[in-house]
C-alpha cells in the first residue's frame, strides 16, 4: 500500500486544485472497485452456503472468522491503518455474507430454489 506522508508544497492554487480533483476522481474509482469486490464477495455466499449445507456445517464458523480477523489485523498493522476500524469493516463484510447465506437457506427451505 502506498503511503504518502510527505508534505506537498504547491507553486500555485491551480496545482492544488488539480491534485484535489485527481485525488477525488481516483477515490471515486476505488469506491466503484470496492463496491464491485463487495458484490463479488457476497455473491460467493451461495457457493459457501450450499457447500456448508451439504457438509452439515453451521453458517457461523468461529475458527474461519478468527483466521480472517487475525490476517486482516496483521495486514492493517503492517500498513499503518487503524486496526479497530479495519476490524469493523471485516465484521460488516462477514455479517453481509452470513445474512446472504441465511437468505439463501430460507429460500431453499421455502422451495423457491
PDB file of N, CA and C in Angstrom:
ATOM      1  N   UNK A   1       0.842  -1.177   0.000  1.00  0.00           N
ATOM      2  CA  UNK A   1       0.000   0.000   0.000  1.00  0.00           C
ATOM      3  C   UNK A   1       0.882   1.233   0.000  1.00  0.00           C
ATOM      4  N   UNK A   2       0.521   2.173  -0.810  1.00  0.00           N
ATOM      5  CA  UNK A   2       1.285   3.407  -0.916  1.00  0.00           C
ATOM      6  C   UNK A   2       0.922   4.334   0.241  1.00  0.00           C
ATOM      7  N   UNK A   3       1.914   4.799   0.927  1.00  0.00           N
ATOM      8  CA  UNK A   3       1.702   5.768   1.993  1.00  0.00           C
ATOM      9  C   UNK A   3       2.465   7.028   1.630  1.00  0.00           C
ATOM     10  N   UNK A   4       1.755   8.129   1.546  1.00  0.00           N
ATOM     11  CA  UNK A   4       2.396   9.377   1.156  1.00  0.00           C
ATOM     12  C   UNK A   4       2.276  10.350   2.318  1.00  0.00           C
ATOM     13  N   UNK A   5       3.280  10.333   3.180  1.00  0.00           N
ATOM     14  CA  UNK A   5       3.253  11.185   4.361  1.00  0.00           C
ATOM     15  C   UNK A   5       4.070  12.457   4.196  1.00  0.00           C
ATOM     16  N   UNK A   6       4.662  12.633   3.017  1.00  0.00           N
ATOM     17  CA  UNK A   6       5.456  13.838   2.822  1.00  0.00           C
ATOM     18  C   UNK A   6       4.529  15.039   2.627  1.00  0.00           C
ATOM     19  N   UNK A   7       4.965  16.165   3.065  1.00  0.00           N
ATOM     20  CA  UNK A   7       4.184  17.388   2.928  1.00  0.00           C
ATOM     21  C   UNK A   7       4.444  17.970   1.543  1.00  0.00           C
ATOM     22  N   UNK A   8       3.356  18.194   0.829  1.00  0.00           N
ATOM     23  CA  UNK A   8       3.477  18.752  -0.515  1.00  0.00           C
ATOM     24  C   UNK A   8       3.490  20.273  -0.442  1.00  0.00           C
ATOM     25  N   UNK A   9       4.223  20.853  -1.331  1.00  0.00           N
ATOM     26  CA  UNK A   9       4.149  22.297  -1.476  1.00  0.00           C
ATOM     27  C   UNK A   9       3.732  22.574  -2.921  1.00  0.00           C
ATOM     28  N   UNK A  10       2.917  23.549  -3.072  1.00  0.00           N
ATOM     29  CA  UNK A  10       2.379  23.879  -4.382  1.00  0.00           C
ATOM     30  C   UNK A  10       2.962  25.204  -4.863  1.00  0.00           C
ATOM     31  N   UNK A  11       3.107  25.295  -6.164  1.00  0.00           N
ATOM     32  CA  UNK A  11       3.569  26.535  -6.777  1.00  0.00           C
ATOM     33  C   UNK A  11       2.437  27.559  -6.817  1.00  0.00           C
ATOM     34  N   UNK A  12       1.186  27.027  -6.951  1.00  0.00           N
ATOM     35  CA  UNK A  12       0.039  27.938  -7.051  1.00  0.00           C
ATOM     36  C   UNK A  12      -1.244  27.170  -6.725  1.00  0.00           C
ATOM     37  N   UNK A  13      -2.356  27.895  -6.673  1.00  0.00           N
ATOM     38  CA  UNK A  13      -3.645  27.284  -6.338  1.00  0.00           C
ATOM     39  C   UNK A  13      -4.079  26.263  -7.389  1.00  0.00           C
ATOM     40  N   UNK A  14      -3.739  26.521  -8.633  1.00  0.00           N
ATOM     41  CA  UNK A  14      -4.140  25.599  -9.701  1.00  0.00           C
ATOM     42  C   UNK A  14      -3.575  24.199  -9.475  1.00  0.00           C
ATOM     43  N   UNK A  15      -2.323  24.116  -9.052  1.00  0.00           N
ATOM     44  CA  UNK A  15      -1.715  22.813  -8.759  1.00  0.00           C
ATOM     45  C   UNK A  15      -2.484  22.085  -7.661  1.00  0.00           C
ATOM     46  N   UNK A  16      -2.833  22.828  -6.619  1.00  0.00           N
ATOM     47  CA  UNK A  16      -3.581  22.230  -5.512  1.00  0.00           C
ATOM     48  C   UNK A  16      -4.956  21.768  -5.979  1.00  0.00           C
ATOM     49  N   UNK A  17      -5.617  22.578  -6.803  1.00  0.00           N
ATOM     50  CA  UNK A  17      -6.936  22.215  -7.312  1.00  0.00           C
ATOM     51  C   UNK A  17      -6.868  20.995  -8.223  1.00  0.00           C
ATOM     52  N   UNK A  18      -5.827  20.902  -9.038  1.00  0.00           N
ATOM     53  CA  UNK A  18      -5.652  19.747  -9.925  1.00  0.00           C
ATOM     54  C   UNK A  18      -5.434  18.477  -9.094  1.00  0.00           C
ATOM     55  N   UNK A  19      -4.572  18.563  -8.099  1.00  0.00           N
ATOM     56  CA  UNK A  19      -4.325  17.403  -7.242  1.00  0.00           C
ATOM     57  C   UNK A  19      -5.605  16.986  -6.512  1.00  0.00           C
ATOM     58  N   UNK A  20      -6.349  17.952  -6.008  1.00  0.00           N
ATOM     59  CA  UNK A  20      -7.605  17.667  -5.327  1.00  0.00           C
ATOM     60  C   UNK A  20      -8.575  16.953  -6.267  1.00  0.00           C
ATOM     61  N   UNK A  21      -8.718  17.475  -7.467  1.00  0.00           N
ATOM     62  CA  UNK A  21      -9.636  16.888  -8.446  1.00  0.00           C
ATOM     63  C   UNK A  21      -9.206  15.470  -8.825  1.00  0.00           C
ATOM     64  N   UNK A  22      -7.927  15.279  -9.100  1.00  0.00           N
ATOM     65  CA  UNK A  22      -7.414  13.962  -9.478  1.00  0.00           C
ATOM     66  C   UNK A  22      -7.560  12.964  -8.334  1.00  0.00           C
ATOM     67  N   UNK A  23      -7.297  13.413  -7.122  1.00  0.00           N
ATOM     68  CA  UNK A  23      -7.401  12.525  -5.958  1.00  0.00           C
ATOM     69  C   UNK A  23      -8.856  12.117  -5.722  1.00  0.00           C
ATOM     70  N   UNK A  24      -9.765  13.063  -5.843  1.00  0.00           N
ATOM     71  CA  UNK A  24     -11.184  12.738  -5.673  1.00  0.00           C
ATOM     72  C   UNK A  24     -11.681  11.799  -6.768  1.00  0.00           C
ATOM     73  N   UNK A  25     -11.195  11.999  -7.975  1.00  0.00           N
ATOM     74  CA  UNK A  25     -11.568  11.119  -9.089  1.00  0.00           C
ATOM     75  C   UNK A  25     -11.095   9.696  -8.804  1.00  0.00           C
ATOM     76  N   UNK A  26      -9.869   9.572  -8.320  1.00  0.00           N
ATOM     77  CA  UNK A  26      -9.331   8.242  -8.019  1.00  0.00           C
ATOM     78  C   UNK A  26     -10.089   7.597  -6.864  1.00  0.00           C
ATOM     79  N   UNK A  27     -10.461   8.387  -5.864  1.00  0.00           N
ATOM     80  CA  UNK A  27     -11.271   7.854  -4.757  1.00  0.00           C
ATOM     81  C   UNK A  27     -12.597   7.319  -5.286  1.00  0.00           C
ATOM     82  N   UNK A  28     -13.227   8.042  -6.190  1.00  0.00           N
ATOM     83  CA  UNK A  28     -14.474   7.566  -6.795  1.00  0.00           C
ATOM     84  C   UNK A  28     -14.261   6.245  -7.532  1.00  0.00           C
ATOM     85  N   UNK A  29     -13.153   6.130  -8.245  1.00  0.00           N
ATOM     86  CA  UNK A  29     -12.835   4.886  -8.962  1.00  0.00           C
ATOM     87  C   UNK A  29     -12.619   3.733  -7.972  1.00  0.00           C
ATOM     88  N   UNK A  30     -11.907   4.013  -6.904  1.00  0.00           N
ATOM     89  CA  UNK A  30     -11.658   2.998  -5.883  1.00  0.00           C
ATOM     90  C   UNK A  30     -12.964   2.584  -5.225  1.00  0.00           C
ATOM     91  N   UNK A  31     -13.842   3.553  -4.929  1.00  0.00           N
ATOM     92  CA  UNK A  31     -15.144   3.225  -4.346  1.00  0.00           C
ATOM     93  C   UNK A  31     -15.923   2.280  -5.257  1.00  0.00           C
ATOM     94  N   UNK A  32     -15.889   2.537  -6.557  1.00  0.00           N
ATOM     95  CA  UNK A  32     -16.566   1.657  -7.512  1.00  0.00           C
ATOM     96  C   UNK A  32     -15.949   0.257  -7.495  1.00  0.00           C
ATOM     97  N   UNK A  33     -14.624   0.191  -7.456  1.00  0.00           N
ATOM     98  CA  UNK A  33     -13.935  -1.098  -7.397  1.00  0.00           C
ATOM     99  C   UNK A  33     -14.283  -1.842  -6.110  1.00  0.00           C
ATOM    100  N   UNK A  34     -14.323  -1.106  -4.991  1.00  0.00           N
ATOM    101  CA  UNK A  34     -14.692  -1.721  -3.716  1.00  0.00           C
ATOM    102  C   UNK A  34     -16.107  -2.284  -3.769  1.00  0.00           C
ATOM    103  N   UNK A  35     -17.035  -1.513  -4.334  1.00  0.00           N
ATOM    104  CA  UNK A  35     -18.416  -1.980  -4.444  1.00  0.00           C
ATOM    105  C   UNK A  35     -18.473  -3.261  -5.275  1.00  0.00           C
ATOM    106  N   UNK A  36     -17.751  -3.285  -6.391  1.00  0.00           N
ATOM    107  CA  UNK A  36     -17.726  -4.481  -7.236  1.00  0.00           C
ATOM    108  C   UNK A  36     -17.157  -5.676  -6.469  1.00  0.00           C
ATOM    109  N   UNK A  37     -16.103  -5.457  -5.708  1.00  0.00           N
ATOM    110  CA  UNK A  37     -15.498  -6.544  -4.936  1.00  0.00           C
ATOM    111  C   UNK A  37     -16.426  -7.023  -3.822  1.00  0.00           C
ATOM    112  N   UNK A  38     -17.111  -6.092  -3.160  1.00  0.00           N
ATOM    113  CA  UNK A  38     -18.060  -6.476  -2.114  1.00  0.00           C
ATOM    114  C   UNK A  38     -19.208  -7.277  -2.728  1.00  0.00           C
ATOM    115  N   UNK A  39     -19.681  -6.860  -3.888  1.00  0.00           N
ATOM    116  CA  UNK A  39     -20.742  -7.602  -4.571  1.00  0.00           C
ATOM    117  C   UNK A  39     -20.265  -9.005  -4.942  1.00  0.00           C
ATOM    118  N   UNK A  40     -19.050  -9.097  -5.455  1.00  0.00           N
ATOM    119  CA  UNK A  40     -18.495 -10.402  -5.821  1.00  0.00           C
ATOM    120  C   UNK A  40     -18.327 -11.285  -4.587  1.00  0.00           C
ATOM    121  N   UNK A  41     -17.824 -10.685  -3.509  1.00  0.00           N
ATOM    122  CA  UNK A  41     -17.621 -11.430  -2.257  1.00  0.00           C
ATOM    123  C   UNK A  41     -18.953 -11.954  -1.743  1.00  0.00           C
ATOM    124  N   UNK A  42     -19.974 -11.119  -1.768  1.00  0.00           N
ATOM    125  CA  UNK A  42     -21.294 -11.502  -1.275  1.00  0.00           C
ATOM    126  C   UNK A  42     -21.920 -12.576  -2.154  1.00  0.00           C
ATOM    127  N   UNK A  43     -21.700 -12.490  -3.455  1.00  0.00           N
ATOM    128  CA  UNK A  43     -22.249 -13.486  -4.380  1.00  0.00           C
ATOM    129  C   UNK A  43     -21.685 -14.881  -4.101  1.00  0.00           C
ATOM    130  N   UNK A  44     -20.488 -14.961  -3.559  1.00  0.00           N
ATOM    131  CA  UNK A  44     -19.895 -16.253  -3.233  1.00  0.00           C
ATOM    132  C   UNK A  44     -20.614 -16.942  -2.074  1.00  0.00           C
ATOM    133  N   UNK A  45     -21.475 -16.190  -1.395  1.00  0.00           N
ATOM    134  CA  UNK A  45     -22.220 -16.760  -0.268  1.00  0.00           C
ATOM    135  C   UNK A  45     -23.041 -17.970  -0.693  1.00  0.00           C
ATOM    136  N   UNK A  46     -23.577 -17.969  -1.912  1.00  0.00           N
ATOM    137  CA  UNK A  46     -24.386 -19.113  -2.342  1.00  0.00           C
ATOM    138  C   UNK A  46     -23.527 -20.363  -2.457  1.00  0.00           C
ATOM    139  N   UNK A  47     -22.329 -20.245  -3.022  1.00  0.00           N
ATOM    140  CA  UNK A  47     -21.429 -21.400  -3.101  1.00  0.00           C
ATOM    141  C   UNK A  47     -21.098 -21.919  -1.704  1.00  0.00           C
ATOM    142  N   UNK A  48     -20.822 -20.980  -0.818  1.00  0.00           N
ATOM    143  CA  UNK A  48     -20.426 -21.349   0.538  1.00  0.00           C
ATOM    144  C   UNK A  48     -21.573 -22.013   1.281  1.00  0.00           C
ATOM    145  N   UNK A  49     -22.767 -21.423   1.221  1.00  0.00           N
ATOM    146  CA  UNK A  49     -23.882 -21.961   1.997  1.00  0.00           C
ATOM    147  C   UNK A  49     -24.319 -23.329   1.479  1.00  0.00           C
ATOM    148  N   UNK A  50     -24.315 -23.542   0.179  1.00  0.00           N
ATOM    149  CA  UNK A  50     -24.696 -24.848  -0.347  1.00  0.00           C
ATOM    150  C   UNK A  50     -23.662 -25.908   0.035  1.00  0.00           C
ATOM    151  N   UNK A  51     -22.391 -25.519   0.027  1.00  0.00           N
ATOM    152  CA  UNK A  51     -21.343 -26.448   0.457  1.00  0.00           C
ATOM    153  C   UNK A  51     -21.482 -26.763   1.941  1.00  0.00           C
ATOM    154  N   UNK A  52     -21.682 -25.730   2.749  1.00  0.00           N
ATOM    155  CA  UNK A  52     -21.848 -25.931   4.190  1.00  0.00           C
ATOM    156  C   UNK A  52     -23.076 -26.788   4.474  1.00  0.00           C
ATOM    157  N   UNK A  53     -24.171 -26.523   3.765  1.00  0.00           N
ATOM    158  CA  UNK A  53     -25.399 -27.283   3.983  1.00  0.00           C
ATOM    159  C   UNK A  53     -25.160 -28.763   3.654  1.00  0.00           C
ATOM    160  N   UNK A  54     -24.526 -29.033   2.554  1.00  0.00           N
ATOM    161  CA  UNK A  54     -24.251 -30.410   2.143  1.00  0.00           C
ATOM    162  C   UNK A  54     -23.342 -31.109   3.160  1.00  0.00           C
ATOM    163  N   UNK A  55     -22.357 -30.363   3.672  1.00  0.00           N
ATOM    164  CA  UNK A  55     -21.402 -30.924   4.630  1.00  0.00           C
ATOM    165  C   UNK A  55     -21.927 -30.936   6.065  1.00  0.00           C
ATOM    166  N   UNK A  56     -23.123 -30.378   6.273  1.00  0.00           N
ATOM    167  CA  UNK A  56     -23.707 -30.341   7.615  1.00  0.00           C
ATOM    168  C   UNK A  56     -23.027 -29.345   8.537  1.00  0.00           C
ATOM    169  N   UNK A  57     -22.481 -28.300   7.963  1.00  0.00           N
ATOM    170  CA  UNK A  57     -21.771 -27.292   8.749  1.00  0.00           C
ATOM    171  C   UNK A  57     -22.691 -26.107   9.053  1.00  0.00           C
ATOM    172  N   UNK A  58     -22.506 -25.463  10.207  1.00  0.00           N
ATOM    173  CA  UNK A  58     -23.286 -24.258  10.508  1.00  0.00           C
ATOM    174  C   UNK A  58     -22.794 -23.073   9.677  1.00  0.00           C
ATOM    175  N   UNK A  59     -23.633 -22.055   9.552  1.00  0.00           N
ATOM    176  CA  UNK A  59     -23.229 -20.845   8.830  1.00  0.00           C
ATOM    177  C   UNK A  59     -22.067 -20.168   9.550  1.00  0.00           C
ATOM    178  N   UNK A  60     -22.169 -20.089  10.869  1.00  0.00           N
ATOM    179  CA  UNK A  60     -21.123 -19.423  11.643  1.00  0.00           C
ATOM    180  C   UNK A  60     -19.956 -20.376  11.865  1.00  0.00           C
ATOM    181  N   UNK A  61     -18.791 -19.986  11.412  1.00  0.00           N
ATOM    182  CA  UNK A  61     -17.576 -20.772  11.576  1.00  0.00           C
ATOM    183  C   UNK A  61     -16.580 -19.916  12.351  1.00  0.00           C
ATOM    184  N   UNK A  62     -16.584 -20.103  13.665  1.00  0.00           N
ATOM    185  CA  UNK A  62     -15.769 -19.271  14.551  1.00  0.00           C
ATOM    186  C   UNK A  62     -14.289 -19.325  14.184  1.00  0.00           C
ATOM    187  N   UNK A  63     -13.791 -20.503  13.870  1.00  0.00           N
ATOM    188  CA  UNK A  63     -12.378 -20.647  13.536  1.00  0.00           C
ATOM    189  C   UNK A  63     -12.021 -19.866  12.269  1.00  0.00           C
ATOM    190  N   UNK A  64     -12.867 -19.980  11.250  1.00  0.00           N
ATOM    191  CA  UNK A  64     -12.618 -19.262   9.988  1.00  0.00           C
ATOM    192  C   UNK A  64     -12.626 -17.752  10.225  1.00  0.00           C
ATOM    193  N   UNK A  65     -13.596 -17.269  10.985  1.00  0.00           N
ATOM    194  CA  UNK A  65     -13.663 -15.825  11.255  1.00  0.00           C
ATOM    195  C   UNK A  65     -12.437 -15.352  12.023  1.00  0.00           C
ATOM    196  N   UNK A  66     -11.958 -16.162  12.966  1.00  0.00           N
ATOM    197  CA  UNK A  66     -10.751 -15.784  13.714  1.00  0.00           C
ATOM    198  C   UNK A  66      -9.550 -15.686  12.771  1.00  0.00           C
ATOM    199  N   UNK A  67      -9.418 -16.656  11.869  1.00  0.00           N
ATOM    200  CA  UNK A  67      -8.309 -16.640  10.915  1.00  0.00           C
ATOM    201  C   UNK A  67      -8.366 -15.377  10.050  1.00  0.00           C
ATOM    202  N   UNK A  68      -9.558 -15.052   9.555  1.00  0.00           N
ATOM    203  CA  UNK A  68      -9.720 -13.870   8.705  1.00  0.00           C
ATOM    204  C   UNK A  68      -9.378 -12.605   9.487  1.00  0.00           C
ATOM    205  N   UNK A  69      -9.903 -12.488  10.713  1.00  0.00           N
ATOM    206  CA  UNK A  69      -9.641 -11.290  11.516  1.00  0.00           C
ATOM    207  C   UNK A  69      -8.161 -11.164  11.869  1.00  0.00           C
ATOM    208  N   UNK A  70      -7.524 -12.274  12.219  1.00  0.00           N
ATOM    209  CA  UNK A  70      -6.086 -12.227  12.539  1.00  0.00           C
ATOM    210  C   UNK A  70      -5.285 -11.755  11.337  1.00  0.00           C
ATOM    211  N   UNK A  71      -5.607 -12.287  10.166  1.00  0.00           N
ATOM    212  CA  UNK A  71      -4.898 -11.904   8.937  1.00  0.00           C
ATOM    213  C   UNK A  71      -5.091 -10.413   8.649  1.00  0.00           C
ATOM    214  N   UNK A  72      -6.319  -9.947   8.777  1.00  0.00           N
ATOM    215  CA  UNK A  72      -6.629  -8.545   8.484  1.00  0.00           C
ATOM    216  C   UNK A  72      -5.973  -7.613   9.500  1.00  0.00           C
ATOM    217  N   UNK A  73      -6.000  -7.992  10.770  1.00  0.00           N
ATOM    218  CA  UNK A  73      -5.351  -7.166  11.799  1.00  0.00           C
ATOM    219  C   UNK A  73      -3.852  -7.032  11.522  1.00  0.00           C
ATOM    220  N   UNK A  74      -3.232  -8.141  11.176  1.00  0.00           N
ATOM    221  CA  UNK A  74      -1.799  -8.123  10.868  1.00  0.00           C
ATOM    222  C   UNK A  74      -1.526  -7.223   9.664  1.00  0.00           C
ATOM    223  N   UNK A  75      -2.340  -7.366   8.628  1.00  0.00           N
ATOM    224  CA  UNK A  75      -2.180  -6.545   7.424  1.00  0.00           C
ATOM    225  C   UNK A  75      -2.362  -5.058   7.760  1.00  0.00           C
ATOM    226  N   UNK A  76      -3.373  -4.748   8.572  1.00  0.00           N
ATOM    227  CA  UNK A  76      -3.626  -3.346   8.942  1.00  0.00           C
ATOM    228  C   UNK A  76      -2.431  -2.763   9.698  1.00  0.00           C
ATOM    229  N   UNK A  77      -1.888  -3.516  10.629  1.00  0.00           N
ATOM    230  CA  UNK A  77      -0.719  -3.042  11.381  1.00  0.00           C
ATOM    231  C   UNK A  77       0.469  -2.806  10.458  1.00  0.00           C
ATOM    232  N   UNK A  78       0.704  -3.740   9.544  1.00  0.00           N
ATOM    233  CA  UNK A  78       1.828  -3.608   8.619  1.00  0.00           C
ATOM    234  C   UNK A  78       1.685  -2.390   7.713  1.00  0.00           C
ATOM    235  N   UNK A  79       0.449  -1.990   7.454  1.00  0.00           N
ATOM    236  CA  UNK A  79       0.192  -0.874   6.551  1.00  0.00           C
ATOM    237  C   UNK A  79      -0.199   0.404   7.291  1.00  0.00           C
ATOM    238  N   UNK A  80       0.021   0.411   8.600  1.00  0.00           N
ATOM    239  CA  UNK A  80      -0.220   1.591   9.431  1.00  0.00           C
ATOM    240  C   UNK A  80      -1.652   2.115   9.292  1.00  0.00           C
ATOM    241  N   UNK A  81      -2.607   1.172   9.311  1.00  0.00           N
ATOM    242  CA  UNK A  81      -4.017   1.533   9.276  1.00  0.00           C
ATOM    243  C   UNK A  81      -4.630   1.257  10.645  1.00  0.00           C
ATOM    244  N   UNK A  82      -5.701   1.944  10.945  1.00  0.00           N
ATOM    245  CA  UNK A  82      -6.391   1.764  12.212  1.00  0.00           C
ATOM    246  C   UNK A  82      -6.957   0.346  12.286  1.00  0.00           C
ATOM    247  N   UNK A  83      -6.362  -0.470  13.131  1.00  0.00           N
ATOM    248  CA  UNK A  83      -6.735  -1.883  13.231  1.00  0.00           C
ATOM    249  C   UNK A  83      -8.194  -2.042  13.630  1.00  0.00           C
ATOM    250  N   UNK A  84      -8.672  -1.227  14.565  1.00  0.00           N
ATOM    251  CA  UNK A  84     -10.063  -1.347  15.026  1.00  0.00           C
ATOM    252  C   UNK A  84     -11.054  -1.053  13.908  1.00  0.00           C
ATOM    253  N   UNK A  85     -10.774  -0.039  13.112  1.00  0.00           N
ATOM    254  CA  UNK A  85     -11.684   0.308  12.019  1.00  0.00           C
ATOM    255  C   UNK A  85     -11.656  -0.774  10.945  1.00  0.00           C
ATOM    256  N   UNK A  86     -10.478  -1.255  10.594  1.00  0.00           N
ATOM    257  CA  UNK A  86     -10.373  -2.333   9.606  1.00  0.00           C
ATOM    258  C   UNK A  86     -11.103  -3.566  10.125  1.00  0.00           C
ATOM    259  N   UNK A  87     -10.974  -3.853  11.396  1.00  0.00           N
ATOM    260  CA  UNK A  87     -11.667  -4.986  12.007  1.00  0.00           C
ATOM    261  C   UNK A  87     -13.186  -4.815  11.901  1.00  0.00           C
ATOM    262  N   UNK A  88     -13.662  -3.600  12.102  1.00  0.00           N
ATOM    263  CA  UNK A  88     -15.097  -3.324  11.975  1.00  0.00           C
ATOM    264  C   UNK A  88     -15.574  -3.519  10.534  1.00  0.00           C
ATOM    265  N   UNK A  89     -14.760  -3.115   9.586  1.00  0.00           N
ATOM    266  CA  UNK A  89     -15.112  -3.305   8.171  1.00  0.00           C
ATOM    267  C   UNK A  89     -15.245  -4.794   7.875  1.00  0.00           C
ATOM    268  N   UNK A  90     -14.293  -5.585   8.362  1.00  0.00           N
ATOM    269  CA  UNK A  90     -14.353  -7.035   8.148  1.00  0.00           C
ATOM    270  C   UNK A  90     -15.584  -7.619   8.843  1.00  0.00           C
ATOM    271  N   UNK A  91     -15.915  -7.113  10.036  1.00  0.00           N
ATOM    272  CA  UNK A  91     -17.142  -7.554  10.709  1.00  0.00           C
ATOM    273  C   UNK A  91     -18.364  -7.297   9.830  1.00  0.00           C
ATOM    274  N   UNK A  92     -18.423  -6.121   9.232  1.00  0.00           N
ATOM    275  CA  UNK A  92     -19.568  -5.779   8.379  1.00  0.00           C
ATOM    276  C   UNK A  92     -19.636  -6.697   7.152  1.00  0.00           C
ATOM    277  N   UNK A  93     -18.491  -6.977   6.553  1.00  0.00           N
ATOM    278  CA  UNK A  93     -18.458  -7.880   5.401  1.00  0.00           C
ATOM    279  C   UNK A  93     -18.893  -9.288   5.793  1.00  0.00           C
ATOM    280  N   UNK A  94     -18.467  -9.718   6.967  1.00  0.00           N
ATOM    281  CA  UNK A  94     -18.850 -11.043   7.460  1.00  0.00           C
ATOM    282  C   UNK A  94     -20.353 -11.109   7.725  1.00  0.00           C
ATOM    283  N   UNK A  95     -20.895 -10.078   8.330  1.00  0.00           N
ATOM    284  CA  UNK A  95     -22.342 -10.025   8.584  1.00  0.00           C
ATOM    285  C   UNK A  95     -23.106 -10.045   7.265  1.00  0.00           C
ATOM    286  N   UNK A  96     -22.632  -9.294   6.297  1.00  0.00           N
ATOM    287  CA  UNK A  96     -23.274  -9.261   4.981  1.00  0.00           C
ATOM    288  C   UNK A  96     -23.301 -10.664   4.373  1.00  0.00           C
ATOM    289  N   UNK A  97     -22.194 -11.363   4.457  1.00  0.00           N
ATOM    290  CA  UNK A  97     -22.105 -12.717   3.913  1.00  0.00           C
ATOM    291  C   UNK A  97     -23.030 -13.679   4.660  1.00  0.00           C
ATOM    292  N   UNK A  98     -23.008 -13.617   5.998  1.00  0.00           N
ATOM    293  CA  UNK A  98     -23.874 -14.509   6.781  1.00  0.00           C
ATOM    294  C   UNK A  98     -25.352 -14.217   6.512  1.00  0.00           C
ATOM    295  N   UNK A  99     -25.698 -12.955   6.400  1.00  0.00           N
ATOM    296  CA  UNK A  99     -27.093 -12.606   6.095  1.00  0.00           C
ATOM    297  C   UNK A  99     -27.512 -13.145   4.737  1.00  0.00           C
ATOM    298  N   UNK A 100     -26.621 -13.054   3.760  1.00  0.00           N
ATOM    299  CA  UNK A 100     -26.906 -13.582   2.433  1.00  0.00           C
ATOM    300  C   UNK A 100     -27.069 -15.104   2.488  1.00  0.00           C
ATOM    301  N   UNK A 101     -26.210 -15.755   3.247  1.00  0.00           N
ATOM    302  CA  UNK A 101     -26.315 -17.208   3.393  1.00  0.00           C
ATOM    303  C   UNK A 101     -27.651 -17.599   4.039  1.00  0.00           C
ATOM    304  N   UNK A 102     -28.060 -16.861   5.080  1.00  0.00           N
ATOM    305  CA  UNK A 102     -29.345 -17.138   5.737  1.00  0.00           C
ATOM    306  C   UNK A 102     -30.505 -16.933   4.771  1.00  0.00           C
ATOM    307  N   UNK A 103     -30.432 -15.880   3.983  1.00  0.00           N
ATOM    308  CA  UNK A 103     -31.475 -15.597   2.998  1.00  0.00           C
ATOM    309  C   UNK A 103     -31.573 -16.746   1.986  1.00  0.00           C
ATOM    310  N   UNK A 104     -30.443 -17.230   1.525  1.00  0.00           N
ATOM    311  CA  UNK A 104     -30.420 -18.335   0.560  1.00  0.00           C
ATOM    312  C   UNK A 104     -31.005 -19.594   1.189  1.00  0.00           C
ATOM    313  N   UNK A 105     -30.638 -19.873   2.435  1.00  0.00           N
ATOM    314  CA  UNK A 105     -31.173 -21.053   3.116  1.00  0.00           C
ATOM    315  C   UNK A 105     -32.686 -20.963   3.278  1.00  0.00           C
ATOM    316  N   UNK A 106     -33.187 -19.776   3.636  1.00  0.00           N
ATOM    317  CA  UNK A 106     -34.648 -19.595   3.776  1.00  0.00           C
ATOM    318  C   UNK A 106     -35.340 -19.871   2.452  1.00  0.00           C
ATOM    319  N   UNK A 107     -34.787 -19.369   1.359  1.00  0.00           N
ATOM    320  CA  UNK A 107     -35.378 -19.610   0.045  1.00  0.00           C
ATOM    321  C   UNK A 107     -35.353 -21.097  -0.283  1.00  0.00           C
ATOM    322  N   UNK A 108     -34.237 -21.732   0.030  1.00  0.00           N
ATOM    323  CA  UNK A 108     -34.088 -23.152  -0.250  1.00  0.00           C
ATOM    324  C   UNK A 108     -35.124 -23.960   0.536  1.00  0.00           C
ATOM    325  N   UNK A 109     -35.321 -23.606   1.811  1.00  0.00           N
ATOM    326  CA  UNK A 109     -36.279 -24.299   2.665  1.00  0.00           C
ATOM    327  C   UNK A 109     -37.702 -24.052   2.178  1.00  0.00           C
ATOM    328  N   UNK A 110     -37.973 -22.839   1.710  1.00  0.00           N
ATOM    329  CA  UNK A 110     -39.310 -22.499   1.225  1.00  0.00           C
ATOM    330  C   UNK A 110     -39.599 -23.083  -0.154  1.00  0.00           C
ATOM    331  N   UNK A 111     -38.643 -23.794  -0.740  1.00  0.00           N
ATOM    332  CA  UNK A 111     -38.847 -24.421  -2.029  1.00  0.00           C
ATOM    333  C   UNK A 111     -38.758 -23.478  -3.214  1.00  0.00           C
ATOM    334  N   UNK A 112     -38.207 -22.323  -3.007  1.00  0.00           N
ATOM    335  CA  UNK A 112     -38.108 -21.365  -4.097  1.00  0.00           C
ATOM    336  C   UNK A 112     -36.845 -21.540  -4.921  1.00  0.00           C
ATOM    337  N   UNK A 113     -35.981 -22.449  -4.499  1.00  0.00           N
ATOM    338  CA  UNK A 113     -34.773 -22.745  -5.286  1.00  0.00           C
ATOM    339  C   UNK A 113     -34.912 -24.103  -5.893  1.00  0.00           C
TER     340      UNK A 113
END
